[in-house]
Every structure is written in C-alpha cells, then in structure tokens.
Protein backbone atom coordinates (compact mmCIF):
# COMPACT_ATOMS: atom_id res chain seq x y z
CA MET A 1 99.96 -153.46 110.70
CA ASN A 2 97.58 -153.02 107.77
CA ILE A 3 99.36 -150.75 105.29
CA ARG A 4 96.11 -149.90 103.52
CA LYS A 5 94.59 -148.57 106.72
CA LEU A 6 97.76 -146.60 107.41
CA PHE A 7 97.69 -144.65 104.17
CA LYS A 8 93.97 -144.70 103.34
CA PRO A 9 92.80 -141.44 105.02
CA ARG A 10 95.50 -139.38 103.38
CA VAL A 11 94.94 -140.87 99.91
CA THR A 12 91.19 -140.40 100.09
CA ASN A 13 91.25 -136.74 101.15
CA ILE A 14 94.24 -135.47 99.20
CA TYR A 15 92.17 -134.18 96.27
CA GLU A 16 89.57 -132.59 98.50
CA GLN A 17 92.36 -130.77 100.31
CA LYS A 18 93.89 -129.88 96.97
CA LYS A 19 90.61 -128.36 95.80
CA THR A 20 90.31 -126.38 99.02
CA TRP A 21 93.83 -125.03 98.68
CA LYS A 22 93.22 -124.20 95.01
CA ARG A 23 90.11 -122.22 95.94
CA TRP A 24 91.94 -120.29 98.66
CA LEU A 25 94.96 -119.60 96.44
CA PHE A 26 92.69 -118.55 93.61
CA LEU A 27 90.79 -116.22 95.94
CA ILE A 28 94.03 -114.72 97.28
CA ALA A 29 95.32 -114.28 93.71
CA LEU A 30 92.08 -112.54 92.77
CA LEU A 31 92.40 -110.22 95.76
CA ILE A 32 96.01 -109.38 94.90
CA VAL A 33 95.24 -108.81 91.23
CA GLY A 34 92.09 -106.87 92.09
CA PHE A 35 93.91 -104.59 94.53
CA SER A 36 96.75 -104.07 92.06
CA LEU A 37 94.34 -103.18 89.27
CA TRP A 38 92.30 -100.94 91.58
CA TYR A 39 95.37 -99.07 92.80
CA THR A 40 96.77 -98.77 89.28
CA ASN A 41 93.40 -97.56 88.02
CA GLN A 42 93.25 -94.92 90.75
CA LEU A 43 96.78 -93.81 89.90
CA VAL A 44 95.92 -93.65 86.22
CA LYS A 45 92.76 -91.66 86.98
CA ASN A 46 94.73 -89.13 89.03
CA ILE A 47 97.36 -88.73 86.31
CA ALA A 48 94.63 -88.52 83.67
CA ARG A 49 92.85 -85.87 85.76
CA ASP A 50 96.05 -83.81 85.91
CA GLU A 51 96.58 -84.30 82.19
CA ARG A 52 93.01 -83.25 81.47
CA SER A 53 93.50 -80.22 83.71
CA LYS A 54 96.54 -79.23 81.66
CA ILE A 55 94.56 -79.59 78.45
CA THR A 56 91.72 -77.50 79.87
CA THR A 57 94.16 -74.82 81.02
CA TRP A 58 95.76 -74.87 77.60
CA ALA A 59 92.38 -74.50 75.87
CA ASN A 60 91.43 -71.60 78.16
CA ALA A 61 94.79 -69.95 77.48
CA ILE A 62 94.07 -70.22 73.76
CA GLN A 63 90.76 -68.42 74.23
CA GLN A 64 92.45 -65.64 76.20
CA ARG A 65 95.22 -65.34 73.64
CA VAL A 66 92.62 -65.16 70.88
CA SER A 67 90.93 -62.31 72.74
CA LEU A 68 94.25 -60.48 72.96
CA VAL A 69 95.01 -61.00 69.28
CA ASN A 70 91.51 -59.88 68.27
CA TYR A 71 91.77 -56.83 70.54
CA THR A 72 95.05 -55.93 68.83
CA ASP A 73 93.46 -56.44 65.43
CA ASP A 74 90.51 -54.22 66.41
CA PHE A 75 92.98 -51.59 67.57
CA PHE A 76 94.74 -51.73 64.18
CA ASP A 77 91.37 -51.41 62.43
CA GLN A 78 90.73 -48.25 64.43
CA ILE A 79 94.14 -46.86 63.42
CA ARG A 80 93.36 -47.71 59.80
CA ALA A 81 90.01 -45.91 60.06
CA GLU A 82 91.68 -42.90 61.65
CA GLU A 83 94.25 -42.75 58.86
CA ARG A 84 91.44 -42.94 56.31
CA LYS A 85 89.74 -39.99 57.96
CA ARG A 86 93.00 -38.08 57.98
CA VAL A 87 93.44 -38.79 54.26
CA GLU A 88 89.92 -37.59 53.56
CA ILE A 89 90.53 -34.42 55.58
CA LEU A 90 93.83 -33.90 53.79
CA ALA A 91 92.19 -34.36 50.39
CA GLU A 92 89.38 -31.97 51.28
CA ALA A 93 91.89 -29.38 52.54
CA THR A 94 93.81 -29.67 49.28
CA GLU A 95 90.62 -29.22 47.25
CA ARG A 96 89.48 -26.22 49.32
CA MET A 97 92.85 -24.57 49.04
CA VAL A 98 92.73 -24.89 45.26
CA GLU A 99 89.19 -23.48 45.05
CA ALA A 100 89.83 -20.68 47.60
CA GLY A 101 89.31 -17.12 46.37
CA ASP A 102 91.74 -14.26 46.69
CA ASP A 103 90.06 -12.94 49.78
CA GLU A 104 89.90 -16.36 51.51
CA ASN A 105 92.48 -17.29 54.13
CA ILE A 106 94.19 -20.53 53.04
CA LEU A 107 96.57 -20.75 55.99
CA PHE A 108 94.28 -23.21 57.75
CA TYR A 109 94.33 -25.55 54.76
CA LEU A 110 98.09 -25.20 54.44
CA SER A 111 98.42 -26.06 58.11
CA ILE A 112 96.44 -29.27 57.63
CA ILE A 113 98.51 -30.26 54.61
CA SER A 114 101.85 -29.41 56.22
CA LYS A 115 101.05 -31.42 59.35
CA ASN A 116 100.83 -34.63 57.29
CA THR A 117 104.27 -36.08 57.97
CA SER A 118 103.43 -39.79 57.97
CA ILE A 119 100.81 -40.69 55.35
CA PRO A 120 102.30 -41.15 51.83
CA VAL A 121 100.10 -39.24 49.30
CA ILE A 122 100.29 -38.59 45.55
CA LEU A 123 98.24 -36.09 43.56
CA ALA A 124 98.00 -37.14 39.91
CA ASP A 125 95.81 -36.41 36.88
CA GLY A 126 93.78 -38.92 34.94
CA GLN A 127 96.75 -39.79 32.68
CA GLY A 128 98.91 -40.79 35.63
CA ASN A 129 101.04 -37.66 35.63
CA ILE A 130 102.18 -36.88 39.17
CA LYS A 131 101.38 -33.31 40.22
CA GLU A 132 102.40 -33.46 43.88
CA ALA A 133 103.82 -36.08 46.26
CA ARG A 134 104.50 -36.12 49.97
CA ASN A 135 106.05 -38.64 52.43
CA VAL A 136 106.92 -40.96 49.57
CA ASP A 137 110.01 -43.18 49.07
CA PHE A 138 110.95 -41.66 45.69
CA ASP A 139 112.10 -38.24 44.46
CA PRO A 140 109.08 -36.35 43.02
CA ASP A 141 111.44 -34.23 40.89
CA THR A 142 112.65 -37.28 38.95
CA VAL A 143 109.56 -39.50 38.96
CA LYS A 144 106.84 -37.64 37.08
CA ASN A 145 104.54 -40.54 36.09
CA PHE A 146 103.09 -43.66 37.71
CA THR A 147 105.00 -46.80 37.03
CA PRO A 148 103.05 -50.11 37.18
CA ALA A 149 104.76 -51.03 40.45
CA LEU A 150 104.13 -47.61 41.96
CA LEU A 151 100.49 -47.63 40.85
CA GLU A 152 100.00 -51.11 42.40
CA GLU A 153 101.62 -49.91 45.63
CA PHE A 154 99.22 -46.95 45.92
CA SER A 155 96.10 -48.83 44.76
CA VAL A 156 95.50 -50.72 48.01
CA TYR A 157 92.83 -48.13 48.75
CA PRO A 158 90.71 -46.49 45.99
CA PRO A 159 91.95 -42.93 45.21
CA LEU A 160 89.88 -39.84 46.04
CA LYS A 161 88.63 -37.87 43.05
CA LEU A 162 89.07 -34.07 43.34
CA ASP A 163 87.82 -31.23 41.13
CA TYR A 164 91.13 -29.39 40.67
CA TYR A 165 90.06 -26.60 38.29
CA SER A 166 86.46 -26.41 37.08
CA GLY A 167 86.13 -29.86 35.55
CA ASN A 168 89.80 -30.72 35.60
CA PHE A 169 89.82 -33.71 37.91
CA VAL A 170 92.82 -35.05 39.77
CA TYR A 171 93.18 -38.13 41.88
CA PHE A 172 94.42 -38.27 45.41
CA TYR A 173 96.34 -41.57 46.02
CA TYR A 174 97.52 -42.73 49.41
CA LYS A 175 98.65 -45.82 51.30
CA ASP A 176 99.20 -46.84 54.90
CA SER A 177 101.74 -44.88 56.82
CA ARG A 178 105.09 -46.42 57.63
CA LEU A 179 104.11 -46.64 61.27
CA PHE A 180 100.89 -48.49 60.44
CA SER A 181 102.73 -50.82 58.02
CA GLU A 182 105.19 -51.68 60.75
CA LEU A 183 102.34 -52.30 63.16
CA LYS A 184 100.69 -54.51 60.51
CA VAL A 185 103.85 -56.62 60.36
CA VAL A 186 103.74 -56.86 64.14
CA LEU A 187 100.11 -58.04 63.95
CA ASP A 188 100.98 -60.67 61.32
CA ASP A 189 103.87 -61.85 63.47
CA LEU A 190 101.52 -61.97 66.44
CA VAL A 191 99.04 -64.16 64.54
CA GLU A 192 101.82 -66.43 63.29
CA SER A 193 103.25 -66.63 66.80
CA PHE A 194 99.81 -67.56 68.09
CA PHE A 195 99.51 -70.47 65.67
CA ASN A 196 103.03 -71.64 66.49
CA GLU A 197 102.27 -71.50 70.19
CA VAL A 198 99.08 -73.50 69.72
CA VAL A 199 100.70 -76.29 67.72
CA ASN A 200 103.80 -76.36 69.96
CA ASN A 201 101.66 -76.48 73.06
CA SER A 202 102.96 -77.29 76.52
CA ALA A 203 100.12 -79.78 77.02
CA SER A 204 101.66 -81.97 74.29
CA VAL A 205 98.29 -82.69 72.69
CA PRO A 206 97.91 -83.43 68.97
CA VAL A 207 96.53 -80.26 67.33
CA ILE A 208 95.19 -79.35 63.89
CA ILE A 209 94.12 -75.81 62.94
CA THR A 210 91.85 -75.47 59.91
CA ASP A 211 90.10 -72.68 58.08
CA SER A 212 86.37 -72.00 58.35
CA THR A 213 85.56 -74.94 56.03
CA ARG A 214 87.30 -77.40 58.39
CA THR A 215 89.14 -78.91 55.42
CA GLU A 216 92.15 -76.68 54.68
CA LEU A 217 95.01 -77.06 57.16
CA VAL A 218 96.52 -73.88 58.54
CA ALA A 219 98.87 -75.36 61.13
CA TRP A 220 99.39 -78.61 63.03
CA GLY A 221 101.45 -80.14 65.81
CA LYS A 222 102.15 -83.57 67.33
CA ILE A 223 100.82 -85.15 64.11
CA ASP A 224 102.49 -87.60 61.73
CA THR A 225 103.51 -85.11 59.03
CA THR A 226 104.29 -87.87 56.52
CA ARG A 227 100.56 -88.62 56.20
CA LEU A 228 99.20 -85.08 56.01
CA ASN A 229 99.14 -85.30 52.21
CA ASP A 230 96.52 -88.03 52.48
CA PRO A 231 93.06 -86.36 52.49
CA ALA A 232 91.44 -89.47 53.98
CA PHE A 233 93.90 -89.50 56.88
CA VAL A 234 93.37 -85.78 57.52
CA LYS A 235 89.58 -86.16 57.45
CA ASN A 236 89.62 -89.19 59.75
CA THR A 237 91.96 -87.42 62.15
CA ILE A 238 89.78 -84.31 62.25
CA ASP A 239 86.64 -86.40 62.78
CA GLU A 240 88.37 -88.36 65.55
CA MET A 241 89.48 -85.15 67.26
CA ALA A 242 86.01 -83.65 66.96
CA ALA A 243 84.60 -86.80 68.61
CA TYR A 244 87.04 -86.46 71.52
CA ASN A 245 86.64 -82.72 72.15
CA GLU A 246 84.51 -79.89 70.83
CA PRO A 247 86.72 -77.88 68.45
CA ILE A 248 87.69 -74.37 69.57
CA GLU A 249 86.32 -71.72 67.22
CA ILE A 250 88.49 -68.62 66.88
CA VAL A 251 88.26 -65.49 64.74
CA ILE A 252 91.58 -63.80 64.02
CA ALA A 253 91.84 -60.80 61.72
CA ASP A 254 88.25 -61.28 60.61
CA ARG A 255 89.01 -64.89 59.57
CA LYS A 256 87.39 -67.85 61.27
CA HIS A 257 89.49 -70.87 62.24
CA TYR A 258 88.91 -74.09 64.14
CA ILE A 259 91.35 -75.73 66.55
CA PHE A 260 90.93 -79.51 66.77
CA TYR A 261 92.74 -81.46 69.46
CA LYS A 262 92.58 -84.77 71.31
CA ASP A 263 94.13 -86.42 74.32
CA SER A 264 97.89 -86.66 74.42
CA PHE A 265 99.64 -89.93 73.65
CA LEU A 266 100.55 -90.25 77.33
CA LEU A 267 96.90 -89.95 78.38
CA THR A 268 95.89 -92.51 75.76
CA GLN A 269 98.54 -94.89 77.08
CA LEU A 270 97.35 -94.36 80.64
CA ARG A 271 93.75 -95.07 79.66
CA TYR A 272 94.65 -98.51 78.29
CA PHE A 273 97.35 -99.29 80.85
CA PRO A 274 95.08 -101.23 83.30
CA VAL A 275 93.81 -103.44 80.45
CA ILE A 276 97.35 -104.09 79.23
CA GLN A 277 98.44 -104.81 82.80
CA LEU A 278 95.59 -107.29 83.24
CA ILE A 279 96.52 -109.05 79.98
CA ILE A 280 100.19 -109.25 80.98
CA ILE A 281 99.30 -110.62 84.43
CA GLY A 282 96.95 -113.13 82.84
CA ILE A 283 99.60 -114.29 80.36
CA PHE A 284 102.16 -114.55 83.16
CA LEU A 285 99.82 -116.61 85.33
CA LEU A 286 98.84 -118.84 82.40
CA VAL A 287 102.47 -119.48 81.41
CA SER A 288 103.41 -120.11 85.05
CA TYR A 289 100.54 -122.53 85.46
CA LEU A 290 101.46 -124.40 82.28
CA LEU A 291 105.12 -124.62 83.27
CA PHE A 292 104.30 -125.86 86.76
CA SER A 293 101.77 -128.31 85.34
CA ILE A 294 104.31 -129.66 82.86
CA ALA A 295 106.93 -129.95 85.59
CA ARG A 296 104.49 -131.63 87.95
CA ARG A 297 103.29 -134.02 85.25
CA SER A 298 106.88 -134.87 84.32
CA GLU A 299 107.66 -135.57 87.96
CA GLN A 300 104.57 -137.73 88.31
CA ASN A 301 105.50 -139.64 85.16
CA GLN A 302 108.93 -140.35 86.55
CA VAL A 303 107.39 -141.58 89.80
CA TRP A 304 104.92 -143.78 87.88
CA VAL A 305 107.61 -145.24 85.66
CA GLY A 306 109.93 -145.88 88.57
CA LEU A 307 107.17 -147.46 90.64
CA ALA A 308 106.00 -149.65 87.73
CA LYS A 309 109.49 -150.89 86.88
CA GLU A 310 110.33 -151.54 90.52
CA THR A 311 107.06 -153.48 90.92
CA ALA A 312 107.84 -155.58 87.85
CA HIS A 313 111.33 -156.18 89.18
CA GLN A 314 110.05 -157.22 92.61
CA LEU A 315 107.49 -159.59 91.05
CA GLY A 316 110.09 -161.21 88.82
CA THR A 317 111.94 -163.17 91.52
CA PRO A 318 108.92 -164.86 93.23
CA LEU A 319 107.36 -165.55 89.81
CA SER A 320 110.41 -167.46 88.68
CA SER A 321 110.27 -169.44 91.89
CA MET A 322 106.53 -170.12 91.49
CA MET A 323 107.05 -171.35 87.93
CA ALA A 324 109.64 -173.78 89.21
CA TRP A 325 107.27 -174.99 91.91
CA VAL A 326 104.52 -175.56 89.33
CA GLU A 327 106.88 -177.73 87.31
CA TYR A 328 107.90 -179.57 90.47
CA LEU A 329 104.26 -180.19 91.45
CA ARG A 330 103.61 -181.71 88.03
CA THR A 331 105.99 -184.53 89.01
CA LYS A 332 103.97 -185.28 92.13
CA ASP A 333 100.70 -187.08 92.45
CA ILE A 334 98.49 -183.99 92.30
CA GLY A 335 95.44 -183.55 90.09
CA ASP A 336 96.10 -182.01 86.65
CA GLU A 337 93.13 -179.65 87.02
CA THR A 338 94.67 -178.12 90.12
CA ILE A 339 98.06 -177.77 88.45
CA ASP A 340 96.46 -176.19 85.35
CA GLU A 341 94.58 -173.58 87.41
CA LEU A 342 97.70 -172.80 89.37
CA ASP A 343 99.63 -172.45 86.13
CA LYS A 344 96.98 -170.03 84.80
CA ASP A 345 97.35 -167.82 87.89
CA VAL A 346 101.12 -167.89 87.60
CA SER A 347 100.80 -166.92 83.93
CA ARG A 348 98.45 -164.13 84.95
CA LEU A 349 100.97 -162.85 87.48
CA ASN A 350 103.60 -162.96 84.78
CA THR A 351 101.29 -160.95 82.52
CA ILE A 352 100.81 -158.38 85.30
CA ALA A 353 104.59 -158.10 85.74
CA GLU A 354 104.95 -157.55 81.98
CA ARG A 355 102.28 -154.84 82.14
CA PHE A 356 104.20 -152.93 84.79
CA SER A 357 107.47 -153.31 82.89
CA LYS A 358 105.84 -151.85 79.74
CA ILE A 359 104.48 -148.75 81.53
CA GLY A 360 107.76 -146.90 81.30
CA SER A 361 109.00 -148.42 78.06
CA ALA A 362 108.61 -147.18 74.52
CA ALA A 363 105.20 -148.01 73.10
CA ASN A 364 105.14 -151.18 71.03
CA LEU A 365 101.89 -150.99 69.10
CA LYS A 366 100.75 -153.67 66.69
CA THR A 367 97.75 -153.93 64.44
CA GLU A 368 95.17 -156.01 66.28
CA ASN A 369 91.56 -157.05 65.76
CA LEU A 370 89.91 -155.01 68.52
CA VAL A 371 86.84 -157.26 68.60
CA GLU A 372 88.93 -160.36 69.28
CA VAL A 373 90.94 -158.56 71.98
CA ILE A 374 87.76 -157.51 73.78
CA TYR A 375 86.25 -161.03 73.60
CA ASN A 376 89.45 -162.60 74.94
CA SER A 377 89.53 -160.14 77.85
CA VAL A 378 85.87 -160.76 78.68
CA ALA A 379 86.37 -164.54 78.51
CA TYR A 380 89.10 -164.35 81.13
CA LEU A 381 87.14 -161.97 83.39
CA LYS A 382 83.96 -164.09 83.29
CA THR A 383 85.67 -166.97 85.09
CA ARG A 384 86.77 -164.61 87.88
CA THR A 385 83.52 -162.66 88.27
CA SER A 386 80.28 -163.41 90.07
CA ASN A 387 77.71 -165.47 88.16
CA LYS A 388 75.23 -162.68 88.84
CA VAL A 389 77.11 -160.40 86.43
CA SER A 390 76.07 -160.72 82.77
CA PHE A 391 78.33 -159.64 79.88
CA TYR A 392 77.11 -158.39 76.50
CA VAL A 393 79.52 -157.51 73.67
CA GLN A 394 78.67 -155.94 70.32
CA PRO A 395 79.40 -156.64 67.47
CA GLN A 396 79.65 -160.41 67.10
CA ARG A 397 82.98 -162.14 67.56
CA ASP A 398 83.51 -162.75 63.84
CA ALA A 399 83.58 -158.99 63.14
CA VAL A 400 86.90 -157.37 62.29
CA ILE A 401 87.83 -153.85 63.46
CA LEU A 402 91.55 -153.18 63.18
CA THR A 403 93.50 -150.68 65.25
CA ARG A 404 97.03 -150.36 66.60
CA LEU A 405 97.47 -151.18 70.27
CA ASN A 406 99.61 -152.94 72.85
CA TYR A 407 97.76 -156.14 73.67
CA GLN A 408 98.92 -156.57 77.29
CA LEU A 409 98.33 -152.94 78.29
CA PHE A 410 94.99 -152.59 76.54
CA ASP A 411 93.86 -155.85 78.15
CA TRP A 412 94.78 -154.22 81.48
CA VAL A 413 92.57 -151.24 80.60
CA VAL A 414 89.56 -153.46 79.92
CA GLU A 415 90.21 -155.41 83.11
CA ASN A 416 90.36 -152.26 85.25
CA LEU A 417 87.15 -150.85 83.78
CA VAL A 418 85.27 -154.14 84.13
CA LYS A 419 86.43 -154.63 87.74
CA ASN A 420 85.34 -151.09 88.61
CA ALA A 421 81.97 -151.79 86.99
CA VAL A 422 81.54 -155.00 89.00
CA ASP A 423 82.40 -153.14 92.23
CA ALA A 424 79.95 -150.33 91.33
CA MET A 425 77.19 -152.95 90.83
CA GLU A 426 78.20 -154.74 94.06
CA GLY A 427 78.62 -158.02 92.16
CA GLU A 428 75.24 -158.07 90.43
CA GLY A 429 74.11 -156.49 87.16
CA ASP A 430 74.86 -156.13 83.44
CA ILE A 431 78.05 -155.02 81.69
CA ARG A 432 77.76 -154.03 78.05
CA ILE A 433 80.71 -153.44 75.74
CA GLU A 434 79.86 -151.86 72.39
CA ILE A 435 82.44 -151.21 69.65
CA SER A 436 81.57 -148.64 66.98
CA GLU A 437 83.43 -147.00 64.12
CA GLU A 438 83.70 -143.52 62.63
CA GLU A 439 85.75 -142.32 59.69
CA ASN A 440 89.09 -142.30 61.52
CA LEU A 441 88.16 -143.43 65.04
CA VAL A 442 87.07 -146.50 66.92
CA HIS A 443 84.92 -146.10 70.06
CA ILE A 444 84.63 -148.65 72.86
CA ASP A 445 81.74 -147.96 75.25
CA ILE A 446 81.79 -149.94 78.52
CA SER A 447 78.52 -149.57 80.45
CA ASP A 448 77.33 -150.93 83.79
CA THR A 449 74.14 -150.80 85.86
CA GLY A 450 75.86 -149.67 89.03
CA LYS A 451 75.38 -146.77 91.41
CA GLY A 452 76.70 -144.14 89.00
CA ILE A 453 79.14 -141.24 89.36
CA PRO A 454 78.23 -137.63 90.29
CA LYS A 455 78.84 -135.28 87.37
CA LYS A 456 81.25 -133.11 89.37
CA LYS A 457 83.48 -136.20 89.81
CA PHE A 458 83.77 -137.02 86.08
CA ARG A 459 87.34 -135.72 85.92
CA THR A 460 88.41 -136.30 89.50
CA ILE A 461 88.02 -140.08 89.27
CA PHE A 462 91.08 -140.26 86.97
CA ASN A 463 93.35 -138.60 89.56
CA PRO A 464 95.84 -140.87 91.37
CA GLY A 465 94.57 -141.85 94.82
CA TYR A 466 90.92 -141.07 94.17
CA THR A 467 88.66 -144.00 95.10
CA SER A 468 85.18 -144.64 96.48
CA LYS A 469 86.08 -148.12 97.74
CA GLN A 470 86.88 -148.91 101.34
CA ARG A 471 89.94 -150.97 100.39
CA GLY A 472 90.92 -149.27 97.11
CA TRP A 473 94.15 -147.49 96.25
CA GLY A 474 92.65 -145.29 93.55
CA LEU A 475 95.28 -146.17 90.92
CA GLY A 476 93.28 -148.25 88.44
CA LEU A 477 91.58 -145.45 86.49
CA SER A 478 94.69 -143.28 86.65
CA LEU A 479 96.77 -146.06 85.10
CA THR A 480 94.02 -146.68 82.57
CA GLN A 481 94.00 -143.05 81.50
CA ARG A 482 97.79 -142.99 81.14
CA ILE A 483 97.80 -146.15 79.04
CA ILE A 484 95.12 -144.78 76.70
CA ARG A 485 96.45 -141.23 76.44
CA GLU A 486 100.22 -141.60 76.49
CA ILE A 487 100.76 -145.02 74.94
CA HIS A 488 97.81 -145.32 72.54
CA ASP A 489 97.34 -141.60 71.83
CA GLY A 490 93.63 -141.96 72.51
CA LYS A 491 90.99 -140.59 74.84
CA ILE A 492 89.04 -142.00 77.76
CA TYR A 493 86.25 -140.19 79.59
CA VAL A 494 82.89 -140.64 81.27
CA LYS A 495 80.41 -140.53 78.42
CA SER A 496 77.36 -140.57 80.70
CA SER A 497 76.34 -141.48 84.24
CA SER A 498 73.19 -141.31 86.32
CA PRO A 499 72.95 -142.00 90.07
CA GLY A 500 71.42 -145.46 90.57
CA ARG A 501 71.27 -146.22 86.83
CA GLY A 502 74.88 -146.83 85.87
CA THR A 503 77.88 -145.37 84.09
CA THR A 504 79.30 -145.50 80.57
CA PHE A 505 83.03 -145.04 79.91
CA ARG A 506 84.13 -144.30 76.35
CA ILE A 507 87.54 -145.11 74.89
CA SER A 508 88.39 -143.52 71.52
CA LEU A 509 91.32 -144.87 69.47
CA ARG A 510 92.63 -144.08 66.00
CA LYS A 511 91.95 -146.68 63.35
C-alpha cells in the first residue's frame, strides 16, 4: 500500500476545510454578537425611553408647580394691595376726623378707624414723636418716640403725610399686618420648598438652578459639590446641560430663574452600555483566540519536536549499519569512485539525521560567513539538480557577510527553497540567490522562473501539509519557517510572485 496515496487527500484539503469552518464559525459568531447587541440596544432604548419619560414628567411637574407658586405670589400681591388701600382709607379717615367741624358727624370716621384691628399704624410728627399707635407690639404709653429699630421696622412702606392742624403735618406709618407677615413666611417657605423639590427630584437628574444671569447658583442637586467653587467647572457644566436640554425658565416672586438639567447617570450609562459590551466581547474573543493559538502552537511544536527526534532516532540505526558496509566495501575490489559517491550519500543521510535531532534542541548559533554557506549549499545542490537549471549567486564568493546561524539547519533551509524552486520550474530555468545588507539586517532573496504563487496563498504555503505537488507532504516550507523564526529569530516570506514569471522568497536575519 502506498502510504502517500493513503494520506494525500486529507493533507491536501485540510486547510481548505479549515478556512471553510473558520468562515462559518466567524459568521455564526457575528450573528450571535449581532443579535446580542441588537437585543441589548433595544432593551437600552426601552429603558432610556422610560427614563426620558420620567424626566419629561418631572419637567412638566416643575412648570405646574411654578404656576402654583406664582399664583400664590399673585394672591399675596393682591392682599398687599388691599392692605395698602385699607391704610390709605384709614389715613384719610383720620385726616377727615381731625378736620371735621362741630356740626359734622364723625362717627363714620371713627367706625373706620376702630375697625382696623390688624394693620399696625403709628401717627407721629416730623420730629418722630409718636402721637397715636394701634395694633403695635409695644406700649404707646411708655414708648413716645421712634427708636432706630422701630423706625426701620415701619419704613418698609413710605409713610403717608397728613395735614393735622392747618400746616401742622403728621406722618402716618404702617407695616404689613401680622396675618400678611405670616402668609409671607408661608410664601417664602413655599419657594424654598420648590427649589428643594427640584434639586431633590425623583427623576434623579443632575440639576442646577441659576438666577436670571445664568451665572449665580441658587440651588443644585446630583452635582459634585466639591467642585462648585470652581467657576470654570460651573460654566462648563451649565453649558453641557444647556446643550443636552433647553433650560426651563421660571419666574417666582417676580424674579427670573433658570433650571438646567441633563440626563441621569443611569441613562448615560445605558447609552454607552452597548459600546462597552462590544468592547468587552471583542477583548474576550481576542484573548480567547490568542490563548487557543498559543496552546495550539505549543501542541504543534511538541508534535514537531517529537516527530523530528523520533525520525533522527530511527535513521541512526540503519546509518550506522550503512557506514559499516561502506568501510567493508572499501576492502573489496570495487571502484573508488563508486565508494566515494556512496560515502557522500551516507554522509548526507547523517547530516539529515543531525538536522532532525537539532529541531527540538536548544539553538546552537555560531558566527558564519553567510556568503560561503550559500555557495557551499549551491555547490552540493548543483550536482543533484538537472543541467537545465542555472544558478546565479550575488555577491562573489570572496565577499564576507557575517551573521549568527546554525550551519546544518540553515543549509536545510536553502535546500528546501531551492528544491521547491526546481519543482516550480519543472526542472528547467534560473535560480538567483542575492545577499544584501542593511544597518542591522541581512537579506537573502531566492528567486526562480517557475509558475508562481497566487497572492492569496502567500501565507498558506507555510502551513504544515500544504503542497501543490502530486507526491509532496507539504512539510518543507513549514520546517523552513520554523527554523528561520524560532531558531534564528528571523523572518521568511514571499517577497513577490507573478503567475508564469516566478517567485522570490526573502529571508531576513540579524547581523
């Protein structure tokens, strides 16, 4: 049974099947990730819609509350106006009563004055001497003059000037009634309660309330209070909020304010959640891929090393026997030329066994003249290649380009590449090997005039088992890549290739 024919179909198609499976798995992964992101995005949109609805409801509630507060303030203004009218009527009644003649009925004026049981009033002359007082918090019999504190208390409103007796003017002082003062406190508490309710909102949105200039802070909530002393931070926050939502303009107690707000922290988190989820999934997939790749590569390396050492071990026994037979044949009447050629092949087999034994061993690199190594390899390959294949090497053999390498393994690399080139040219054509230098690198370009390699196969050709030959195993280029990368810490790749015109492989090594 031909073992090559037994395993050939599987080896040839394994990477095509692998590509197909990769495409399907990638497509399935995309579908899973896409569905997950779509569902998460829909969920986030629904939650965001509910959150936005709460914010809208909260903003509408603010407007309604403002209307209530302003209605209350208007009501208090009406009470204040009514009290002012009552004071004016009271002052006029007092003046009329004083100016009334003997035949004039003053009971009506007395009735108006006596019915004032709530508005504090003081009648005083121009020197501040108190003539009369009613509904006040002090005893008029003991307090006869305005004290500074008392004058300030009754100077909220300008006093009414009355003509008491033909040119003797008195002044009628008054202030808000106790009932109105208490209602004013209620109004102030209502305004303060409104601001507290806005900043401690149920929608949990960051809020800033400013004055009409949009610079002075009146109240705030859900804001980093440690940074509110920074004008730049406050300005940037207000500008950011204004960009998110149109500020709510309110007028409370004849004072204009602006309420700035933006989306809650939860809504902001939800908005960026799909992006964060995608990043996390991507990182997870990348890490998983790298771990699996490392594990797979480690497993492959162990297989390669085991296979190489076992091959070297298996070759060792027959080689020892063949060496003994060569020495035995030398004692017989056989031509020296035949014995020498046989000895060369045995030495070559011994070199091959050494190559396999070195695959899994620690790299033993020595400084070598790369030009001499290449010429020696080409000299050996010429004698085992068709006469229709021409070799060209640059620079000349006397050139010196030093680099560190393992002679046996690097010779194997050159052999593999040259043999592939000969097969690609079907035993007829030119092989050029050019060695060039850069500052820290040495490049070896091996070119042929063969059938070329499709661009999409540039990387695939280095995979184990990939081959275009009918009787190939597809291990030569894979071994070559491992020797260059892992043992010599270099690079090997297809520099260029054109169908029908040939291929150029480049090897890059450190000087």
